[in-house]
Amino acid sequence: MDDSSVGALIGIVMSVVVLGVIFTVTRMGANGDMGRNGAVGIRTKSTQRSDEAWRAGHAAAFPVVRTACLVVLVLDLVCLALVFLGPAGLVPWLGIIPLAGILVAVVFMARAAKKGADAAPRAPHP
């Protein structure tokens, strides 16, 4: 196994790890198991507005996250197969492709979270 294959495998494994973190954190935020905080979660202006907006944003994003995780996991499996069966010129890119998929998915996740958080009731101003 050459260096480009090892690099591709590292990228694919890291993609799976990142998907696991995204899925778990979003589910915890949606279920109320993880409150609003400054460290992890979908931290946008809309979701940080209130605890209700935090939960609503994560709940709205969770179906998108679930779908995105499945799609990128399939992409990971295809890339994994191509590391061993595909053309050698493609191998260096196979660790980057799933991570690019995650970046695209994050845009859709954030948009869904914003929509859900914006629909949450606003706290009255004192």
N, C-alpha and C. Protein backbone atom coordinates (compact mmCIF):
# COMPACT_ATOMS: atom_id res chain seq x y z
N MET A 1 0.85 -1.17 0.00
CA MET A 1 0.00 0.00 0.00
C MET A 1 0.90 1.24 0.00
N ASP A 2 0.64 2.14 -0.94
CA ASP A 2 1.48 3.33 -1.05
C ASP A 2 0.92 4.48 -0.20
N ASP A 3 1.68 5.59 -0.17
CA ASP A 3 1.31 6.73 0.67
C ASP A 3 -0.03 7.34 0.28
N SER A 4 -0.35 7.39 -1.01
CA SER A 4 -1.61 8.00 -1.42
C SER A 4 -2.79 7.15 -0.97
N SER A 5 -2.62 5.84 -0.94
CA SER A 5 -3.69 4.96 -0.44
C SER A 5 -3.90 5.15 1.05
N VAL A 6 -2.80 5.27 1.78
CA VAL A 6 -2.89 5.50 3.23
C VAL A 6 -3.57 6.84 3.50
N GLY A 7 -3.19 7.86 2.75
CA GLY A 7 -3.81 9.17 2.92
C GLY A 7 -5.30 9.13 2.63
N ALA A 8 -5.69 8.42 1.58
CA ALA A 8 -7.11 8.29 1.24
C ALA A 8 -7.86 7.56 2.34
N LEU A 9 -7.27 6.50 2.87
CA LEU A 9 -7.92 5.76 3.96
C LEU A 9 -8.08 6.62 5.20
N ILE A 10 -7.09 7.43 5.51
CA ILE A 10 -7.19 8.33 6.66
C ILE A 10 -8.33 9.33 6.44
N GLY A 11 -8.43 9.89 5.25
CA GLY A 11 -9.52 10.82 4.94
C GLY A 11 -10.89 10.18 5.06
N ILE A 12 -11.02 8.94 4.60
CA ILE A 12 -12.30 8.23 4.66
C ILE A 12 -12.66 7.93 6.12
N VAL A 13 -11.70 7.47 6.90
CA VAL A 13 -11.96 7.20 8.32
C VAL A 13 -12.34 8.48 9.05
N MET A 14 -11.64 9.56 8.77
CA MET A 14 -11.96 10.84 9.41
C MET A 14 -13.36 11.31 9.03
N SER A 15 -13.76 11.07 7.82
CA SER A 15 -15.11 11.42 7.38
C SER A 15 -16.15 10.68 8.22
N VAL A 16 -15.94 9.41 8.45
CA VAL A 16 -16.87 8.62 9.27
C VAL A 16 -16.91 9.16 10.70
N VAL A 17 -15.76 9.51 11.24
CA VAL A 17 -15.70 10.06 12.61
C VAL A 17 -16.47 11.38 12.68
N VAL A 18 -16.23 12.26 11.71
CA VAL A 18 -16.92 13.56 11.69
C VAL A 18 -18.43 13.36 11.56
N LEU A 19 -18.85 12.45 10.72
CA LEU A 19 -20.29 12.17 10.58
C LEU A 19 -20.88 11.69 11.90
N GLY A 20 -20.16 10.85 12.61
CA GLY A 20 -20.64 10.37 13.90
C GLY A 20 -20.81 11.50 14.91
N VAL A 21 -19.86 12.42 14.92
CA VAL A 21 -19.94 13.57 15.82
C VAL A 21 -21.12 14.47 15.44
N ILE A 22 -21.25 14.77 14.15
CA ILE A 22 -22.35 15.62 13.69
C ILE A 22 -23.70 14.99 14.04
N PHE A 23 -23.85 13.71 13.77
CA PHE A 23 -25.11 13.01 14.05
C PHE A 23 -25.43 13.04 15.54
N THR A 24 -24.46 12.69 16.37
CA THR A 24 -24.67 12.61 17.81
C THR A 24 -24.99 13.97 18.41
N VAL A 25 -24.23 14.98 18.05
CA VAL A 25 -24.44 16.32 18.60
C VAL A 25 -25.80 16.87 18.17
N THR A 26 -26.16 16.69 16.91
CA THR A 26 -27.44 17.20 16.45
C THR A 26 -28.59 16.47 17.14
N ARG A 27 -28.48 15.17 17.28
CA ARG A 27 -29.53 14.40 17.97
C ARG A 27 -29.65 14.84 19.42
N MET A 28 -28.54 15.06 20.09
CA MET A 28 -28.58 15.51 21.48
C MET A 28 -29.22 16.89 21.61
N GLY A 29 -28.90 17.79 20.68
CA GLY A 29 -29.51 19.11 20.69
C GLY A 29 -31.00 19.05 20.42
N ALA A 30 -31.41 18.17 19.54
CA ALA A 30 -32.82 18.03 19.19
C ALA A 30 -33.62 17.41 20.34
N ASN A 31 -33.01 16.47 21.06
CA ASN A 31 -33.70 15.79 22.16
C ASN A 31 -33.67 16.58 23.46
N GLY A 32 -32.90 17.65 23.50
CA GLY A 32 -32.78 18.41 24.74
C GLY A 32 -31.73 17.84 25.68
N ASP A 33 -30.95 16.87 25.21
CA ASP A 33 -29.90 16.28 26.04
C ASP A 33 -28.66 17.17 26.11
N MET A 34 -28.58 18.14 25.22
CA MET A 34 -27.46 19.08 25.21
C MET A 34 -28.03 20.48 25.05
N GLY A 35 -27.87 21.27 26.07
CA GLY A 35 -28.40 22.63 26.03
C GLY A 35 -27.53 23.57 25.22
N ARG A 36 -28.05 24.75 25.04
CA ARG A 36 -27.34 25.80 24.31
C ARG A 36 -26.00 26.05 24.98
N ASN A 37 -24.94 26.12 24.18
CA ASN A 37 -23.60 26.30 24.72
C ASN A 37 -22.72 26.98 23.68
N GLY A 38 -21.54 27.33 24.07
CA GLY A 38 -20.62 28.02 23.18
C GLY A 38 -19.58 27.11 22.55
N ALA A 39 -19.71 25.80 22.72
CA ALA A 39 -18.67 24.89 22.25
C ALA A 39 -19.10 24.02 21.08
N VAL A 40 -20.22 23.32 21.21
CA VAL A 40 -20.63 22.37 20.17
C VAL A 40 -22.10 22.54 19.84
N GLY A 41 -22.46 22.07 18.68
CA GLY A 41 -23.83 22.16 18.20
C GLY A 41 -23.89 23.05 16.98
N ILE A 42 -25.10 23.23 16.50
CA ILE A 42 -25.30 24.13 15.36
C ILE A 42 -25.43 25.53 15.94
N ARG A 43 -24.32 26.24 15.95
CA ARG A 43 -24.22 27.52 16.63
C ARG A 43 -24.35 28.66 15.63
N THR A 44 -25.57 29.05 15.35
CA THR A 44 -25.82 30.19 14.48
C THR A 44 -26.52 31.26 15.31
N LYS A 45 -26.65 32.43 14.73
CA LYS A 45 -27.34 33.51 15.43
C LYS A 45 -28.75 33.08 15.79
N SER A 46 -29.42 32.39 14.88
CA SER A 46 -30.80 31.95 15.11
C SER A 46 -30.89 30.92 16.23
N THR A 47 -30.03 29.93 16.22
CA THR A 47 -30.13 28.87 17.23
C THR A 47 -29.65 29.33 18.60
N GLN A 48 -28.80 30.33 18.65
CA GLN A 48 -28.29 30.83 19.93
C GLN A 48 -29.25 31.82 20.58
N ARG A 49 -30.33 32.18 19.91
CA ARG A 49 -31.26 33.20 20.40
C ARG A 49 -31.91 32.80 21.72
N SER A 50 -32.28 31.52 21.88
CA SER A 50 -32.93 31.04 23.11
C SER A 50 -32.80 29.53 23.18
N ASP A 51 -33.15 28.99 24.34
CA ASP A 51 -33.12 27.54 24.49
C ASP A 51 -34.14 26.87 23.57
N GLU A 52 -35.30 27.52 23.39
CA GLU A 52 -36.33 26.97 22.50
C GLU A 52 -35.83 26.97 21.05
N ALA A 53 -35.18 28.06 20.66
CA ALA A 53 -34.65 28.14 19.30
C ALA A 53 -33.54 27.10 19.09
N TRP A 54 -32.74 26.87 20.11
CA TRP A 54 -31.67 25.87 20.05
C TRP A 54 -32.27 24.49 19.76
N ARG A 55 -33.26 24.09 20.57
CA ARG A 55 -33.88 22.78 20.37
C ARG A 55 -34.61 22.70 19.03
N ALA A 56 -35.36 23.76 18.69
CA ALA A 56 -36.11 23.75 17.43
C ALA A 56 -35.18 23.69 16.23
N GLY A 57 -34.08 24.41 16.28
CA GLY A 57 -33.12 24.39 15.18
C GLY A 57 -32.49 23.03 14.99
N HIS A 58 -32.10 22.41 16.09
CA HIS A 58 -31.50 21.08 16.00
C HIS A 58 -32.53 20.04 15.56
N ALA A 59 -33.76 20.18 16.05
CA ALA A 59 -34.82 19.25 15.65
C ALA A 59 -35.11 19.38 14.16
N ALA A 60 -35.12 20.60 13.64
CA ALA A 60 -35.37 20.81 12.21
C ALA A 60 -34.20 20.30 11.36
N ALA A 61 -33.00 20.40 11.89
CA ALA A 61 -31.82 19.98 11.13
C ALA A 61 -31.62 18.46 11.17
N PHE A 62 -32.17 17.79 12.19
CA PHE A 62 -31.88 16.38 12.36
C PHE A 62 -32.26 15.50 11.16
N PRO A 63 -33.44 15.68 10.55
CA PRO A 63 -33.72 14.86 9.35
C PRO A 63 -32.72 15.10 8.22
N VAL A 64 -32.27 16.33 8.07
CA VAL A 64 -31.27 16.64 7.05
C VAL A 64 -29.95 15.97 7.41
N VAL A 65 -29.59 16.02 8.68
CA VAL A 65 -28.35 15.40 9.15
C VAL A 65 -28.40 13.89 8.92
N ARG A 66 -29.53 13.27 9.25
CA ARG A 66 -29.67 11.82 9.08
C ARG A 66 -29.49 11.44 7.60
N THR A 67 -30.14 12.17 6.71
CA THR A 67 -30.03 11.89 5.28
C THR A 67 -28.60 12.14 4.79
N ALA A 68 -28.03 13.26 5.19
CA ALA A 68 -26.67 13.60 4.77
C ALA A 68 -25.67 12.54 5.25
N CYS A 69 -25.83 12.08 6.47
CA CYS A 69 -24.93 11.05 7.00
C CYS A 69 -25.02 9.78 6.17
N LEU A 70 -26.22 9.37 5.82
CA LEU A 70 -26.38 8.17 4.99
C LEU A 70 -25.74 8.35 3.62
N VAL A 71 -25.98 9.50 3.00
CA VAL A 71 -25.42 9.76 1.67
C VAL A 71 -23.89 9.77 1.72
N VAL A 72 -23.33 10.46 2.70
CA VAL A 72 -21.87 10.54 2.77
C VAL A 72 -21.27 9.19 3.18
N LEU A 73 -21.97 8.42 3.99
CA LEU A 73 -21.46 7.07 4.31
C LEU A 73 -21.41 6.19 3.07
N VAL A 74 -22.42 6.29 2.21
CA VAL A 74 -22.38 5.56 0.94
C VAL A 74 -21.20 6.05 0.10
N LEU A 75 -20.99 7.35 0.08
CA LEU A 75 -19.85 7.92 -0.64
C LEU A 75 -18.54 7.40 -0.05
N ASP A 76 -18.47 7.30 1.27
CA ASP A 76 -17.28 6.73 1.92
C ASP A 76 -17.03 5.29 1.45
N LEU A 77 -18.09 4.50 1.38
CA LEU A 77 -17.94 3.11 0.95
C LEU A 77 -17.48 3.01 -0.51
N VAL A 78 -18.03 3.86 -1.36
CA VAL A 78 -17.61 3.88 -2.76
C VAL A 78 -16.13 4.26 -2.85
N CYS A 79 -15.75 5.30 -2.11
CA CYS A 79 -14.34 5.72 -2.12
C CYS A 79 -13.43 4.64 -1.57
N LEU A 80 -13.89 3.96 -0.54
CA LEU A 80 -13.10 2.86 0.04
C LEU A 80 -12.87 1.76 -0.99
N ALA A 81 -13.93 1.40 -1.72
CA ALA A 81 -13.79 0.38 -2.75
C ALA A 81 -12.84 0.84 -3.85
N LEU A 82 -12.94 2.13 -4.22
CA LEU A 82 -12.08 2.65 -5.28
C LEU A 82 -10.61 2.73 -4.88
N VAL A 83 -10.35 2.85 -3.57
CA VAL A 83 -8.94 2.84 -3.12
C VAL A 83 -8.27 1.55 -3.57
N PHE A 84 -9.01 0.45 -3.49
CA PHE A 84 -8.43 -0.86 -3.82
C PHE A 84 -8.69 -1.30 -5.25
N LEU A 85 -9.78 -0.81 -5.84
CA LEU A 85 -10.17 -1.30 -7.16
C LEU A 85 -10.07 -0.25 -8.27
N GLY A 86 -9.95 0.99 -7.91
CA GLY A 86 -10.00 2.07 -8.89
C GLY A 86 -8.66 2.38 -9.51
N PRO A 87 -8.65 3.31 -10.45
CA PRO A 87 -7.39 3.72 -11.08
C PRO A 87 -6.49 4.45 -10.09
N ALA A 88 -5.21 4.24 -10.24
CA ALA A 88 -4.23 4.81 -9.30
C ALA A 88 -4.26 6.33 -9.29
N GLY A 89 -4.57 6.95 -10.41
CA GLY A 89 -4.61 8.41 -10.47
C GLY A 89 -5.74 9.02 -9.65
N LEU A 90 -6.74 8.24 -9.35
CA LEU A 90 -7.89 8.71 -8.58
C LEU A 90 -7.65 8.59 -7.08
N VAL A 91 -6.80 7.70 -6.66
CA VAL A 91 -6.61 7.37 -5.25
C VAL A 91 -6.30 8.59 -4.37
N PRO A 92 -5.42 9.51 -4.76
CA PRO A 92 -5.15 10.65 -3.87
C PRO A 92 -6.38 11.50 -3.57
N TRP A 93 -7.38 11.50 -4.44
CA TRP A 93 -8.57 12.32 -4.26
C TRP A 93 -9.63 11.64 -3.40
N LEU A 94 -9.50 10.37 -3.19
CA LEU A 94 -10.56 9.60 -2.54
C LEU A 94 -10.73 9.92 -1.05
N GLY A 95 -9.74 10.49 -0.42
CA GLY A 95 -9.87 10.92 0.96
C GLY A 95 -10.47 12.30 1.09
N ILE A 96 -10.42 13.06 0.01
CA ILE A 96 -10.93 14.43 0.01
C ILE A 96 -12.40 14.48 -0.38
N ILE A 97 -12.83 13.60 -1.26
CA ILE A 97 -14.20 13.62 -1.78
C ILE A 97 -15.25 13.51 -0.67
N PRO A 98 -15.15 12.57 0.29
CA PRO A 98 -16.17 12.52 1.35
C PRO A 98 -16.17 13.77 2.23
N LEU A 99 -15.01 14.33 2.47
CA LEU A 99 -14.95 15.54 3.29
C LEU A 99 -15.59 16.72 2.57
N ALA A 100 -15.44 16.77 1.26
CA ALA A 100 -16.13 17.80 0.48
C ALA A 100 -17.64 17.58 0.56
N GLY A 101 -18.07 16.33 0.56
CA GLY A 101 -19.49 16.02 0.72
C GLY A 101 -20.03 16.51 2.06
N ILE A 102 -19.23 16.37 3.10
CA ILE A 102 -19.64 16.85 4.42
C ILE A 102 -19.78 18.37 4.40
N LEU A 103 -18.84 19.05 3.77
CA LEU A 103 -18.91 20.52 3.71
C LEU A 103 -20.18 20.98 3.00
N VAL A 104 -20.54 20.32 1.92
CA VAL A 104 -21.78 20.67 1.21
C VAL A 104 -22.97 20.38 2.11
N ALA A 105 -22.97 19.24 2.78
CA ALA A 105 -24.08 18.86 3.65
C ALA A 105 -24.26 19.84 4.80
N VAL A 106 -23.17 20.36 5.33
CA VAL A 106 -23.24 21.30 6.45
C VAL A 106 -24.03 22.56 6.06
N VAL A 107 -23.94 22.98 4.82
CA VAL A 107 -24.71 24.14 4.36
C VAL A 107 -26.20 23.85 4.49
N PHE A 108 -26.62 22.68 4.05
CA PHE A 108 -28.04 22.31 4.13
C PHE A 108 -28.48 22.12 5.59
N MET A 109 -27.60 21.58 6.41
CA MET A 109 -27.91 21.41 7.83
C MET A 109 -28.12 22.76 8.51
N ALA A 110 -27.24 23.69 8.24
CA ALA A 110 -27.34 25.02 8.85
C ALA A 110 -28.59 25.76 8.38
N ARG A 111 -28.93 25.62 7.11
CA ARG A 111 -30.14 26.26 6.59
C ARG A 111 -31.39 25.68 7.25
N ALA A 112 -31.43 24.37 7.42
CA ALA A 112 -32.57 23.75 8.08
C ALA A 112 -32.66 24.18 9.55
N ALA A 113 -31.51 24.27 10.22
CA ALA A 113 -31.49 24.70 11.62
C ALA A 113 -31.97 26.14 11.75
N LYS A 114 -31.56 27.00 10.83
CA LYS A 114 -32.00 28.40 10.87
C LYS A 114 -33.51 28.49 10.69
N LYS A 115 -34.02 27.73 9.74
CA LYS A 115 -35.46 27.75 9.49
C LYS A 115 -36.23 27.27 10.72
N GLY A 116 -35.78 26.21 11.34
CA GLY A 116 -36.43 25.71 12.54
C GLY A 116 -36.33 26.66 13.71
N ALA A 117 -35.14 27.24 13.91
CA ALA A 117 -34.94 28.18 15.01
C ALA A 117 -35.76 29.45 14.80
N ASP A 118 -35.85 29.92 13.56
CA ASP A 118 -36.63 31.13 13.29
C ASP A 118 -38.12 30.91 13.52
N ALA A 119 -38.57 29.66 13.39
CA ALA A 119 -39.98 29.34 13.62
C ALA A 119 -40.31 29.16 15.11
N ALA A 120 -39.28 29.05 15.93
CA ALA A 120 -39.50 28.87 17.37
C ALA A 120 -40.06 30.16 17.97
N PRO A 121 -40.89 30.02 19.00
CA PRO A 121 -41.43 31.23 19.62
C PRO A 121 -40.33 32.09 20.21
N ARG A 122 -40.48 33.38 20.05
CA ARG A 122 -39.50 34.31 20.62
C ARG A 122 -39.91 34.68 22.04
N ALA A 123 -38.92 34.83 22.87
CA ALA A 123 -39.19 35.27 24.24
C ALA A 123 -39.58 36.74 24.22
N PRO A 124 -40.54 37.14 25.05
CA PRO A 124 -40.93 38.55 25.07
C PRO A 124 -39.80 39.42 25.61
N HIS A 125 -39.68 40.61 25.07
CA HIS A 125 -38.65 41.56 25.51
C HIS A 125 -39.13 42.21 26.79
N PRO A 126 -38.24 42.38 27.76
CA PRO A 126 -38.63 43.00 29.04
C PRO A 126 -38.94 44.49 28.90
